[in-house]
Amino acid sequence: MTFVIAEPCVDIKDKACLDVCPVDCIYEGDRTLYIQPDECIDCTACEPVCPVEAIHRDTELPAEWQEYERVNAEFFTATTGLGTPHGASAVGPTATDHAYVAALPRPASAG
């Protein structure tokens, strides 16, 4: 079992989850964060600190966000080729997102 970051994180990226993850498995894309499924230890630390409730167990993803299980996993293979780097802080932010996230409409800018 692993945790998945879903659509409420897109264009928000609060990052409170980064501070509590004991294994440093939450990586930063351009518009959202991604959990590396092979590194996640299912500790539940990230889920309660997410202010937009974007983090869910893979088995408890709401129906409208089921696609994000695949999106999170593919971000590390098909999108970035990162594989299992064992530590988001060593990788740093990436300037890319999974194609699914990149294709989402951007919010209208304020002002």
PDB file of N, CA and C in Angstrom:
ATOM      1  N   MET A   1       0.843  -1.172   0.000  1.00  0.00           N
ATOM      2  CA  MET A   1       0.000   0.000   0.000  1.00  0.00           C
ATOM      3  C   MET A   1       0.893   1.241   0.000  1.00  0.00           C
ATOM      4  N   THR A   2       0.402   2.296  -0.618  1.00  0.00           N
ATOM      5  CA  THR A   2       1.135   3.554  -0.669  1.00  0.00           C
ATOM      6  C   THR A   2       0.149   4.715  -0.657  1.00  0.00           C
ATOM      7  N   PHE A   3       0.665   5.870  -0.495  1.00  0.00           N
ATOM      8  CA  PHE A   3      -0.163   7.063  -0.549  1.00  0.00           C
ATOM      9  C   PHE A   3      -0.002   7.736  -1.908  1.00  0.00           C
ATOM     10  N   VAL A   4      -1.022   8.492  -2.306  1.00  0.00           N
ATOM     11  CA  VAL A   4      -1.077   9.127  -3.617  1.00  0.00           C
ATOM     12  C   VAL A   4      -1.493  10.581  -3.416  1.00  0.00           C
ATOM     13  N   ILE A   5      -0.873  11.472  -4.165  1.00  0.00           N
ATOM     14  CA  ILE A   5      -1.268  12.875  -4.149  1.00  0.00           C
ATOM     15  C   ILE A   5      -2.155  13.123  -5.365  1.00  0.00           C
ATOM     16  N   ALA A   6      -3.354  13.651  -5.109  1.00  0.00           N
ATOM     17  CA  ALA A   6      -4.353  13.831  -6.161  1.00  0.00           C
ATOM     18  C   ALA A   6      -4.510  15.314  -6.558  1.00  0.00           C
ATOM     19  N   GLU A   7      -5.511  15.566  -7.359  1.00  0.00           N
ATOM     20  CA  GLU A   7      -5.721  16.857  -8.006  1.00  0.00           C
ATOM     21  C   GLU A   7      -5.784  18.084  -7.091  1.00  0.00           C
ATOM     22  N   PRO A   8      -6.292  17.998  -5.865  1.00  0.00           N
ATOM     23  CA  PRO A   8      -6.330  19.218  -5.049  1.00  0.00           C
ATOM     24  C   PRO A   8      -4.964  19.874  -4.823  1.00  0.00           C
ATOM     25  N   CYS A   9      -3.877  19.142  -5.020  1.00  0.00           N
ATOM     26  CA  CYS A   9      -2.536  19.698  -4.852  1.00  0.00           C
ATOM     27  C   CYS A   9      -2.077  20.496  -6.072  1.00  0.00           C
ATOM     28  N   VAL A  10      -2.658  20.224  -7.220  1.00  0.00           N
ATOM     29  CA  VAL A  10      -2.213  20.875  -8.457  1.00  0.00           C
ATOM     30  C   VAL A  10      -2.345  22.395  -8.325  1.00  0.00           C
ATOM     31  N   ASP A  11      -1.261  23.086  -8.596  1.00  0.00           N
ATOM     32  CA  ASP A  11      -1.142  24.539  -8.533  1.00  0.00           C
ATOM     33  C   ASP A  11      -1.252  25.091  -7.113  1.00  0.00           C
ATOM     34  N   ILE A  12      -1.229  24.219  -6.093  1.00  0.00           N
ATOM     35  CA  ILE A  12      -1.244  24.643  -4.694  1.00  0.00           C
ATOM     36  C   ILE A  12       0.125  24.366  -4.068  1.00  0.00           C
ATOM     37  N   LYS A  13       0.548  23.114  -4.090  1.00  0.00           N
ATOM     38  CA  LYS A  13       1.835  22.658  -3.555  1.00  0.00           C
ATOM     39  C   LYS A  13       2.167  23.291  -2.198  1.00  0.00           C
ATOM     40  N   ASP A  14       1.331  23.057  -1.214  1.00  0.00           N
ATOM     41  CA  ASP A  14       1.531  23.606   0.122  1.00  0.00           C
ATOM     42  C   ASP A  14       2.859  23.159   0.751  1.00  0.00           C
ATOM     43  N   LYS A  15       3.262  21.942   0.531  1.00  0.00           N
ATOM     44  CA  LYS A  15       4.534  21.352   0.954  1.00  0.00           C
ATOM     45  C   LYS A  15       4.641  21.017   2.442  1.00  0.00           C
ATOM     46  N   ALA A  16       3.554  21.128   3.206  1.00  0.00           N
ATOM     47  CA  ALA A  16       3.600  20.716   4.608  1.00  0.00           C
ATOM     48  C   ALA A  16       3.967  19.240   4.714  1.00  0.00           C
ATOM     49  N   CYS A  17       3.566  18.464   3.738  1.00  0.00           N
ATOM     50  CA  CYS A  17       3.851  17.032   3.727  1.00  0.00           C
ATOM     51  C   CYS A  17       5.349  16.746   3.620  1.00  0.00           C
ATOM     52  N   LEU A  18       6.091  17.611   2.967  1.00  0.00           N
ATOM     53  CA  LEU A  18       7.532  17.404   2.813  1.00  0.00           C
ATOM     54  C   LEU A  18       8.235  17.395   4.160  1.00  0.00           C
ATOM     55  N   ASP A  19       7.795  18.253   5.063  1.00  0.00           N
ATOM     56  CA  ASP A  19       8.436  18.378   6.369  1.00  0.00           C
ATOM     57  C   ASP A  19       8.208  17.180   7.278  1.00  0.00           C
ATOM     58  N   VAL A  20       7.117  16.441   7.072  1.00  0.00           N
ATOM     59  CA  VAL A  20       6.801  15.337   7.974  1.00  0.00           C
ATOM     60  C   VAL A  20       7.140  13.953   7.414  1.00  0.00           C
ATOM     61  N   CYS A  21       7.486  13.867   6.142  1.00  0.00           N
ATOM     62  CA  CYS A  21       7.779  12.565   5.533  1.00  0.00           C
ATOM     63  C   CYS A  21       9.113  12.035   6.066  1.00  0.00           C
ATOM     64  N   PRO A  22       9.104  10.917   6.780  1.00  0.00           N
ATOM     65  CA  PRO A  22      10.339  10.409   7.382  1.00  0.00           C
ATOM     66  C   PRO A  22      11.298   9.760   6.387  1.00  0.00           C
ATOM     67  N   VAL A  23      10.815   9.451   5.182  1.00  0.00           N
ATOM     68  CA  VAL A  23      11.682   8.793   4.201  1.00  0.00           C
ATOM     69  C   VAL A  23      11.946   9.655   2.970  1.00  0.00           C
ATOM     70  N   ASP A  24      11.506  10.906   2.995  1.00  0.00           N
ATOM     71  CA  ASP A  24      11.812  11.855   1.921  1.00  0.00           C
ATOM     72  C   ASP A  24      11.360  11.342   0.549  1.00  0.00           C
ATOM     73  N   CYS A  25      10.115  10.837   0.483  1.00  0.00           N
ATOM     74  CA  CYS A  25       9.630  10.228  -0.757  1.00  0.00           C
ATOM     75  C   CYS A  25       8.651  11.092  -1.531  1.00  0.00           C
ATOM     76  N   ILE A  26       8.495  12.368  -1.136  1.00  0.00           N
ATOM     77  CA  ILE A  26       7.570  13.265  -1.822  1.00  0.00           C
ATOM     78  C   ILE A  26       8.388  14.239  -2.664  1.00  0.00           C
ATOM     79  N   TYR A  27       8.189  14.155  -3.970  1.00  0.00           N
ATOM     80  CA  TYR A  27       8.987  14.899  -4.944  1.00  0.00           C
ATOM     81  C   TYR A  27       8.163  16.034  -5.517  1.00  0.00           C
ATOM     82  N   GLU A  28       8.841  17.101  -5.901  1.00  0.00           N
ATOM     83  CA  GLU A  28       8.167  18.279  -6.423  1.00  0.00           C
ATOM     84  C   GLU A  28       8.263  18.367  -7.937  1.00  0.00           C
ATOM     85  N   GLY A  29       7.091  18.367  -8.575  1.00  0.00           N
ATOM     86  CA  GLY A  29       7.025  18.626 -10.004  1.00  0.00           C
ATOM     87  C   GLY A  29       6.790  20.104 -10.218  1.00  0.00           C
ATOM     88  N   ASP A  30       6.491  20.491 -11.428  1.00  0.00           N
ATOM     89  CA  ASP A  30       6.252  21.896 -11.736  1.00  0.00           C
ATOM     90  C   ASP A  30       4.971  22.413 -11.097  1.00  0.00           C
ATOM     91  N   ARG A  31       3.869  21.640 -11.203  1.00  0.00           N
ATOM     92  CA  ARG A  31       2.570  22.103 -10.723  1.00  0.00           C
ATOM     93  C   ARG A  31       2.030  21.341  -9.527  1.00  0.00           C
ATOM     94  N   THR A  32       2.628  20.199  -9.189  1.00  0.00           N
ATOM     95  CA  THR A  32       2.122  19.388  -8.088  1.00  0.00           C
ATOM     96  C   THR A  32       3.251  18.588  -7.460  1.00  0.00           C
ATOM     97  N   LEU A  33       2.928  17.892  -6.392  1.00  0.00           N
ATOM     98  CA  LEU A  33       3.871  17.002  -5.711  1.00  0.00           C
ATOM     99  C   LEU A  33       3.504  15.566  -6.052  1.00  0.00           C
ATOM    100  N   TYR A  34       4.480  14.681  -5.959  1.00  0.00           N
ATOM    101  CA  TYR A  34       4.293  13.266  -6.305  1.00  0.00           C
ATOM    102  C   TYR A  34       4.940  12.397  -5.232  1.00  0.00           C
ATOM    103  N   ILE A  35       4.279  11.296  -4.863  1.00  0.00           N
ATOM    104  CA  ILE A  35       4.843  10.334  -3.918  1.00  0.00           C
ATOM    105  C   ILE A  35       5.424   9.171  -4.705  1.00  0.00           C
ATOM    106  N   GLN A  36       6.694   8.870  -4.453  1.00  0.00           N
ATOM    107  CA  GLN A  36       7.353   7.743  -5.110  1.00  0.00           C
ATOM    108  C   GLN A  36       6.825   6.466  -4.455  1.00  0.00           C
ATOM    109  N   PRO A  37       6.044   5.648  -5.180  1.00  0.00           N
ATOM    110  CA  PRO A  37       5.370   4.504  -4.554  1.00  0.00           C
ATOM    111  C   PRO A  37       6.311   3.431  -4.004  1.00  0.00           C
ATOM    112  N   ASP A  38       7.498   3.286  -4.569  1.00  0.00           N
ATOM    113  CA  ASP A  38       8.438   2.289  -4.065  1.00  0.00           C
ATOM    114  C   ASP A  38       9.141   2.753  -2.793  1.00  0.00           C
ATOM    115  N   GLU A  39       9.157   4.039  -2.549  1.00  0.00           N
ATOM    116  CA  GLU A  39       9.819   4.586  -1.371  1.00  0.00           C
ATOM    117  C   GLU A  39       8.866   4.826  -0.203  1.00  0.00           C
ATOM    118  N   CYS A  40       7.576   5.011  -0.495  1.00  0.00           N
ATOM    119  CA  CYS A  40       6.584   5.276   0.544  1.00  0.00           C
ATOM    120  C   CYS A  40       6.480   4.076   1.481  1.00  0.00           C
ATOM    121  N   ILE A  41       6.532   4.348   2.789  1.00  0.00           N
ATOM    122  CA  ILE A  41       6.453   3.267   3.781  1.00  0.00           C
ATOM    123  C   ILE A  41       5.084   3.192   4.443  1.00  0.00           C
ATOM    124  N   ASP A  42       4.116   3.925   3.914  1.00  0.00           N
ATOM    125  CA  ASP A  42       2.745   3.886   4.409  1.00  0.00           C
ATOM    126  C   ASP A  42       2.657   4.284   5.881  1.00  0.00           C
ATOM    127  N   CYS A  43       3.419   5.300   6.262  1.00  0.00           N
ATOM    128  CA  CYS A  43       3.450   5.704   7.670  1.00  0.00           C
ATOM    129  C   CYS A  43       2.288   6.605   8.063  1.00  0.00           C
ATOM    130  N   THR A  44       1.593   7.173   7.124  1.00  0.00           N
ATOM    131  CA  THR A  44       0.448   8.070   7.288  1.00  0.00           C
ATOM    132  C   THR A  44       0.808   9.486   7.754  1.00  0.00           C
ATOM    133  N   ALA A  45       2.065   9.819   7.902  1.00  0.00           N
ATOM    134  CA  ALA A  45       2.446  11.140   8.416  1.00  0.00           C
ATOM    135  C   ALA A  45       1.989  12.278   7.508  1.00  0.00           C
ATOM    136  N   CYS A  46       2.019  12.069   6.202  1.00  0.00           N
ATOM    137  CA  CYS A  46       1.701  13.143   5.254  1.00  0.00           C
ATOM    138  C   CYS A  46       0.210  13.452   5.163  1.00  0.00           C
ATOM    139  N   GLU A  47      -0.603  12.455   5.296  1.00  0.00           N
ATOM    140  CA  GLU A  47      -2.041  12.613   5.051  1.00  0.00           C
ATOM    141  C   GLU A  47      -2.707  13.679   5.929  1.00  0.00           C
ATOM    142  N   PRO A  48      -2.534  13.663   7.242  1.00  0.00           N
ATOM    143  CA  PRO A  48      -3.259  14.639   8.066  1.00  0.00           C
ATOM    144  C   PRO A  48      -2.755  16.080   7.956  1.00  0.00           C
ATOM    145  N   VAL A  49      -1.538  16.289   7.475  1.00  0.00           N
ATOM    146  CA  VAL A  49      -1.020  17.664   7.404  1.00  0.00           C
ATOM    147  C   VAL A  49      -1.364  18.374   6.094  1.00  0.00           C
ATOM    148  N   CYS A  50      -1.912  17.668   5.143  1.00  0.00           N
ATOM    149  CA  CYS A  50      -2.257  18.283   3.859  1.00  0.00           C
ATOM    150  C   CYS A  50      -3.485  19.176   4.025  1.00  0.00           C
ATOM    151  N   PRO A  51      -3.320  20.482   3.836  1.00  0.00           N
ATOM    152  CA  PRO A  51      -4.440  21.399   4.070  1.00  0.00           C
ATOM    153  C   PRO A  51      -5.550  21.317   3.018  1.00  0.00           C
ATOM    154  N   VAL A  52      -5.255  20.725   1.865  1.00  0.00           N
ATOM    155  CA  VAL A  52      -6.274  20.618   0.816  1.00  0.00           C
ATOM    156  C   VAL A  52      -6.786  19.195   0.645  1.00  0.00           C
ATOM    157  N   GLU A  53      -6.402  18.307   1.553  1.00  0.00           N
ATOM    158  CA  GLU A  53      -6.846  16.906   1.546  1.00  0.00           C
ATOM    159  C   GLU A  53      -6.605  16.232   0.204  1.00  0.00           C
ATOM    160  N   ALA A  54      -5.389  16.411  -0.321  1.00  0.00           N
ATOM    161  CA  ALA A  54      -5.023  15.825  -1.608  1.00  0.00           C
ATOM    162  C   ALA A  54      -4.373  14.457  -1.464  1.00  0.00           C
ATOM    163  N   ILE A  55      -3.979  14.066  -0.256  1.00  0.00           N
ATOM    164  CA  ILE A  55      -3.241  12.822  -0.057  1.00  0.00           C
ATOM    165  C   ILE A  55      -4.177  11.735   0.467  1.00  0.00           C
ATOM    166  N   HIS A  56      -4.145  10.587  -0.237  1.00  0.00           N
ATOM    167  CA  HIS A  56      -5.028   9.462   0.107  1.00  0.00           C
ATOM    168  C   HIS A  56      -4.270   8.151  -0.033  1.00  0.00           C
ATOM    169  N   ARG A  57      -4.694   7.150   0.730  1.00  0.00           N
ATOM    170  CA  ARG A  57      -4.188   5.797   0.488  1.00  0.00           C
ATOM    171  C   ARG A  57      -4.603   5.403  -0.925  1.00  0.00           C
ATOM    172  N   ASP A  58      -3.769   4.622  -1.586  1.00  0.00           N
ATOM    173  CA  ASP A  58      -4.124   4.205  -2.945  1.00  0.00           C
ATOM    174  C   ASP A  58      -5.436   3.436  -2.984  1.00  0.00           C
ATOM    175  N   THR A  59      -5.749   2.746  -1.915  1.00  0.00           N
ATOM    176  CA  THR A  59      -6.992   1.963  -1.855  1.00  0.00           C
ATOM    177  C   THR A  59      -8.204   2.804  -1.463  1.00  0.00           C
ATOM    178  N   GLU A  60      -7.974   4.075  -1.121  1.00  0.00           N
ATOM    179  CA  GLU A  60      -9.065   4.935  -0.672  1.00  0.00           C
ATOM    180  C   GLU A  60      -9.194   6.216  -1.498  1.00  0.00           C
ATOM    181  N   LEU A  61      -8.623   6.206  -2.693  1.00  0.00           N
ATOM    182  CA  LEU A  61      -8.735   7.378  -3.558  1.00  0.00           C
ATOM    183  C   LEU A  61     -10.191   7.594  -3.967  1.00  0.00           C
ATOM    184  N   PRO A  62     -10.691   8.818  -3.858  1.00  0.00           N
ATOM    185  CA  PRO A  62     -12.044   9.085  -4.360  1.00  0.00           C
ATOM    186  C   PRO A  62     -12.123   8.747  -5.850  1.00  0.00           C
ATOM    187  N   ALA A  63     -13.280   8.339  -6.294  1.00  0.00           N
ATOM    188  CA  ALA A  63     -13.468   7.886  -7.673  1.00  0.00           C
ATOM    189  C   ALA A  63     -12.972   8.894  -8.701  1.00  0.00           C
ATOM    190  N   GLU A  64     -13.201  10.179  -8.461  1.00  0.00           N
ATOM    191  CA  GLU A  64     -12.817  11.192  -9.443  1.00  0.00           C
ATOM    192  C   GLU A  64     -11.303  11.368  -9.555  1.00  0.00           C
ATOM    193  N   TRP A  65     -10.535  10.788  -8.621  1.00  0.00           N
ATOM    194  CA  TRP A  65      -9.080  10.943  -8.644  1.00  0.00           C
ATOM    195  C   TRP A  65      -8.340   9.616  -8.780  1.00  0.00           C
ATOM    196  N   GLN A  66      -9.024   8.560  -9.185  1.00  0.00           N
ATOM    197  CA  GLN A  66      -8.398   7.245  -9.349  1.00  0.00           C
ATOM    198  C   GLN A  66      -7.188   7.298 -10.284  1.00  0.00           C
ATOM    199  N   GLU A  67      -7.239   8.131 -11.295  1.00  0.00           N
ATOM    200  CA  GLU A  67      -6.165   8.252 -12.284  1.00  0.00           C
ATOM    201  C   GLU A  67      -4.833   8.668 -11.644  1.00  0.00           C
ATOM    202  N   TYR A  68      -4.888   9.306 -10.509  1.00  0.00           N
ATOM    203  CA  TYR A  68      -3.670   9.812  -9.878  1.00  0.00           C
ATOM    204  C   TYR A  68      -2.761   8.711  -9.327  1.00  0.00           C
ATOM    205  N   GLU A  69      -3.278   7.532  -9.095  1.00  0.00           N
ATOM    206  CA  GLU A  69      -2.401   6.424  -8.700  1.00  0.00           C
ATOM    207  C   GLU A  69      -1.415   6.128  -9.841  1.00  0.00           C
ATOM    208  N   ARG A  70      -1.922   6.056 -11.055  1.00  0.00           N
ATOM    209  CA  ARG A  70      -1.076   5.840 -12.228  1.00  0.00           C
ATOM    210  C   ARG A  70      -0.169   7.045 -12.478  1.00  0.00           C
ATOM    211  N   VAL A  71      -0.725   8.242 -12.359  1.00  0.00           N
ATOM    212  CA  VAL A  71       0.028   9.475 -12.597  1.00  0.00           C
ATOM    213  C   VAL A  71       1.233   9.562 -11.661  1.00  0.00           C
ATOM    214  N   ASN A  72       1.028   9.290 -10.355  1.00  0.00           N
ATOM    215  CA  ASN A  72       2.134   9.344  -9.397  1.00  0.00           C
ATOM    216  C   ASN A  72       3.215   8.338  -9.752  1.00  0.00           C
ATOM    217  N   ALA A  73       2.833   7.115 -10.082  1.00  0.00           N
ATOM    218  CA  ALA A  73       3.825   6.080 -10.413  1.00  0.00           C
ATOM    219  C   ALA A  73       4.565   6.411 -11.708  1.00  0.00           C
ATOM    220  N   GLU A  74       3.830   6.826 -12.733  1.00  0.00           N
ATOM    221  CA  GLU A  74       4.461   7.107 -14.027  1.00  0.00           C
ATOM    222  C   GLU A  74       5.341   8.349 -14.001  1.00  0.00           C
ATOM    223  N   PHE A  75       5.110   9.246 -13.077  1.00  0.00           N
ATOM    224  CA  PHE A  75       5.961  10.431 -12.976  1.00  0.00           C
ATOM    225  C   PHE A  75       7.428  10.023 -12.799  1.00  0.00           C
ATOM    226  N   PHE A  76       7.664   8.931 -12.109  1.00  0.00           N
ATOM    227  CA  PHE A  76       9.039   8.500 -11.817  1.00  0.00           C
ATOM    228  C   PHE A  76       9.650   7.639 -12.922  1.00  0.00           C
ATOM    229  N   THR A  77       8.840   7.169 -13.841  1.00  0.00           N
ATOM    230  CA  THR A  77       9.364   6.333 -14.925  1.00  0.00           C
ATOM    231  C   THR A  77       9.200   7.020 -16.273  1.00  0.00           C
ATOM    232  N   ALA A  78       7.992   7.076 -16.762  1.00  0.00           N
ATOM    233  CA  ALA A  78       7.743   7.608 -18.104  1.00  0.00           C
ATOM    234  C   ALA A  78       8.013   9.105 -18.211  1.00  0.00           C
ATOM    235  N   THR A  79       7.707   9.868 -17.188  1.00  0.00           N
ATOM    236  CA  THR A  79       7.822  11.323 -17.277  1.00  0.00           C
ATOM    237  C   THR A  79       9.243  11.812 -17.037  1.00  0.00           C
ATOM    238  N   THR A  80       9.826  11.406 -15.923  1.00  0.00           N
ATOM    239  CA  THR A  80      11.129  11.959 -15.539  1.00  0.00           C
ATOM    240  C   THR A  80      12.274  10.967 -15.649  1.00  0.00           C
ATOM    241  N   GLY A  81      11.949   9.680 -15.659  1.00  0.00           N
ATOM    242  CA  GLY A  81      13.003   8.672 -15.667  1.00  0.00           C
ATOM    243  C   GLY A  81      13.755   8.602 -14.342  1.00  0.00           C
ATOM    244  N   LEU A  82      13.202   9.212 -13.289  1.00  0.00           N
ATOM    245  CA  LEU A  82      13.870   9.213 -11.986  1.00  0.00           C
ATOM    246  C   LEU A  82      13.986   7.822 -11.372  1.00  0.00           C
ATOM    247  N   GLY A  83      13.040   6.967 -11.671  1.00  0.00           N
ATOM    248  CA  GLY A  83      13.050   5.644 -11.056  1.00  0.00           C
ATOM    249  C   GLY A  83      12.830   5.753  -9.561  1.00  0.00           C
ATOM    250  N   THR A  84      13.710   5.118  -8.789  1.00  0.00           N
ATOM    251  CA  THR A  84      13.641   5.163  -7.338  1.00  0.00           C
ATOM    252  C   THR A  84      14.904   5.845  -6.829  1.00  0.00           C
ATOM    253  N   PRO A  85      14.912   7.167  -6.794  1.00  0.00           N
ATOM    254  CA  PRO A  85      16.134   7.887  -6.446  1.00  0.00           C
ATOM    255  C   PRO A  85      16.501   7.877  -4.967  1.00  0.00           C
ATOM    256  N   HIS A  86      15.580   7.457  -4.096  1.00  0.00           N
ATOM    257  CA  HIS A  86      15.832   7.380  -2.652  1.00  0.00           C
ATOM    258  C   HIS A  86      16.168   8.725  -2.032  1.00  0.00           C
ATOM    259  N   GLY A  87      15.285   9.673  -2.208  1.00  0.00           N
ATOM    260  CA  GLY A  87      15.441  10.942  -1.526  1.00  0.00           C
ATOM    261  C   GLY A  87      15.111  12.144  -2.371  1.00  0.00           C
ATOM    262  N   ALA A  88      13.961  12.738  -2.100  1.00  0.00           N
ATOM    263  CA  ALA A  88      13.516  13.905  -2.856  1.00  0.00           C
ATOM    264  C   ALA A  88      14.411  15.110  -2.634  1.00  0.00           C
ATOM    265  N   SER A  89      14.929  15.270  -1.431  1.00  0.00           N
ATOM    266  CA  SER A  89      15.739  16.461  -1.165  1.00  0.00           C
ATOM    267  C   SER A  89      17.017  16.474  -1.997  1.00  0.00           C
ATOM    268  N   ALA A  90      17.552  15.306  -2.315  1.00  0.00           N
ATOM    269  CA  ALA A  90      18.755  15.240  -3.156  1.00  0.00           C
ATOM    270  C   ALA A  90      18.435  15.554  -4.614  1.00  0.00           C
ATOM    271  N   VAL A  91      17.214  15.258  -5.040  1.00  0.00           N
ATOM    272  CA  VAL A  91      16.796  15.504  -6.424  1.00  0.00           C
ATOM    273  C   VAL A  91      16.402  16.962  -6.611  1.00  0.00           C
ATOM    274  N   GLY A  92      15.686  17.517  -5.654  1.00  0.00           N
ATOM    275  CA  GLY A  92      15.202  18.894  -5.757  1.00  0.00           C
ATOM    276  C   GLY A  92      13.994  18.997  -6.671  1.00  0.00           C
ATOM    277  N   PRO A  93      13.450  20.194  -6.819  1.00  0.00           N
ATOM    278  CA  PRO A  93      12.283  20.385  -7.677  1.00  0.00           C
ATOM    279  C   PRO A  93      12.607  20.065  -9.136  1.00  0.00           C
ATOM    280  N   THR A  94      11.637  19.478  -9.817  1.00  0.00           N
ATOM    281  CA  THR A  94      11.789  19.237 -11.246  1.00  0.00           C
ATOM    282  C   THR A  94      10.928  20.259 -11.979  1.00  0.00           C
ATOM    283  N   ALA A  95      11.266  20.554 -13.173  1.00  0.00           N
ATOM    284  CA  ALA A  95      10.519  21.542 -13.959  1.00  0.00           C
ATOM    285  C   ALA A  95       9.508  20.870 -14.867  1.00  0.00           C
ATOM    286  N   THR A  96       9.075  19.680 -14.483  1.00  0.00           N
ATOM    287  CA  THR A  96       8.171  18.918 -15.340  1.00  0.00           C
ATOM    288  C   THR A  96       7.054  18.298 -14.512  1.00  0.00           C
ATOM    289  N   ASP A  97       6.024  17.860 -15.188  1.00  0.00           N
ATOM    290  CA  ASP A  97       4.911  17.143 -14.581  1.00  0.00           C
ATOM    291  C   ASP A  97       4.511  16.003 -15.495  1.00  0.00           C
ATOM    292  N   HIS A  98       3.748  15.076 -14.959  1.00  0.00           N
ATOM    293  CA  HIS A  98       3.148  14.025 -15.770  1.00  0.00           C
ATOM    294  C   HIS A  98       2.251  14.709 -16.801  1.00  0.00           C
ATOM    295  N   ALA A  99       2.137  14.151 -17.967  1.00  0.00           N
ATOM    296  CA  ALA A  99       1.329  14.735 -19.047  1.00  0.00           C
ATOM    297  C   ALA A  99      -0.114  14.997 -18.612  1.00  0.00           C
ATOM    298  N   TYR A 100      -0.655  14.129 -17.774  1.00  0.00           N
ATOM    299  CA  TYR A 100      -2.024  14.300 -17.286  1.00  0.00           C
ATOM    300  C   TYR A 100      -2.157  15.606 -16.512  1.00  0.00           C
ATOM    301  N   VAL A 101      -1.206  15.885 -15.640  1.00  0.00           N
ATOM    302  CA  VAL A 101      -1.221  17.111 -14.841  1.00  0.00           C
ATOM    303  C   VAL A 101      -0.920  18.321 -15.717  1.00  0.00           C
ATOM    304  N   ALA A 102       0.062  18.186 -16.586  1.00  0.00           N
ATOM    305  CA  ALA A 102       0.434  19.297 -17.462  1.00  0.00           C
ATOM    306  C   ALA A 102      -0.725  19.742 -18.347  1.00  0.00           C
ATOM    307  N   ALA A 103      -1.612  18.819 -18.695  1.00  0.00           N
ATOM    308  CA  ALA A 103      -2.738  19.143 -19.568  1.00  0.00           C
ATOM    309  C   ALA A 103      -3.921  19.771 -18.834  1.00  0.00           C
ATOM    310  N   LEU A 104      -3.904  19.771 -17.521  1.00  0.00           N
ATOM    311  CA  LEU A 104      -5.006  20.362 -16.764  1.00  0.00           C
ATOM    312  C   LEU A 104      -5.008  21.880 -16.986  1.00  0.00           C
ATOM    313  N   PRO A 105      -6.190  22.469 -17.051  1.00  0.00           N
ATOM    314  CA  PRO A 105      -6.248  23.925 -17.227  1.00  0.00           C
ATOM    315  C   PRO A 105      -5.604  24.627 -16.030  1.00  0.00           C
ATOM    316  N   ARG A 106      -4.918  25.700 -16.318  1.00  0.00           N
ATOM    317  CA  ARG A 106      -4.300  26.495 -15.257  1.00  0.00           C
ATOM    318  C   ARG A 106      -5.356  27.465 -14.711  1.00  0.00           C
ATOM    319  N   PRO A 107      -5.264  27.761 -13.421  1.00  0.00           N
ATOM    320  CA  PRO A 107      -6.236  28.724 -12.866  1.00  0.00           C
ATOM    321  C   PRO A 107      -6.021  30.110 -13.467  1.00  0.00           C
ATOM    322  N   ALA A 108      -7.096  30.855 -13.553  1.00  0.00           N
ATOM    323  CA  ALA A 108      -6.981  32.238 -14.051  1.00  0.00           C
ATOM    324  C   ALA A 108      -6.144  33.018 -13.040  1.00  0.00           C
ATOM    325  N   SER A 109      -5.217  33.777 -13.536  1.00  0.00           N
ATOM    326  CA  SER A 109      -4.353  34.534 -12.624  1.00  0.00           C
ATOM    327  C   SER A 109      -5.114  35.735 -12.061  1.00  0.00           C
ATOM    328  N   ALA A 110      -4.817  35.980 -10.808  1.00  0.00           N
ATOM    329  CA  ALA A 110      -5.477  37.101 -10.129  1.00  0.00           C
ATOM    330  C   ALA A 110      -4.847  38.414 -10.586  1.00  0.00           C
ATOM    331  N   GLY A 111      -5.657  39.401 -10.691  1.00  0.00           N
ATOM    332  CA  GLY A 111      -5.143  40.726 -10.986  1.00  0.00           C
ATOM    333  C   GLY A 111      -5.391  41.078 -12.351  1.00  0.00           C
TER     334      GLY A 111
END
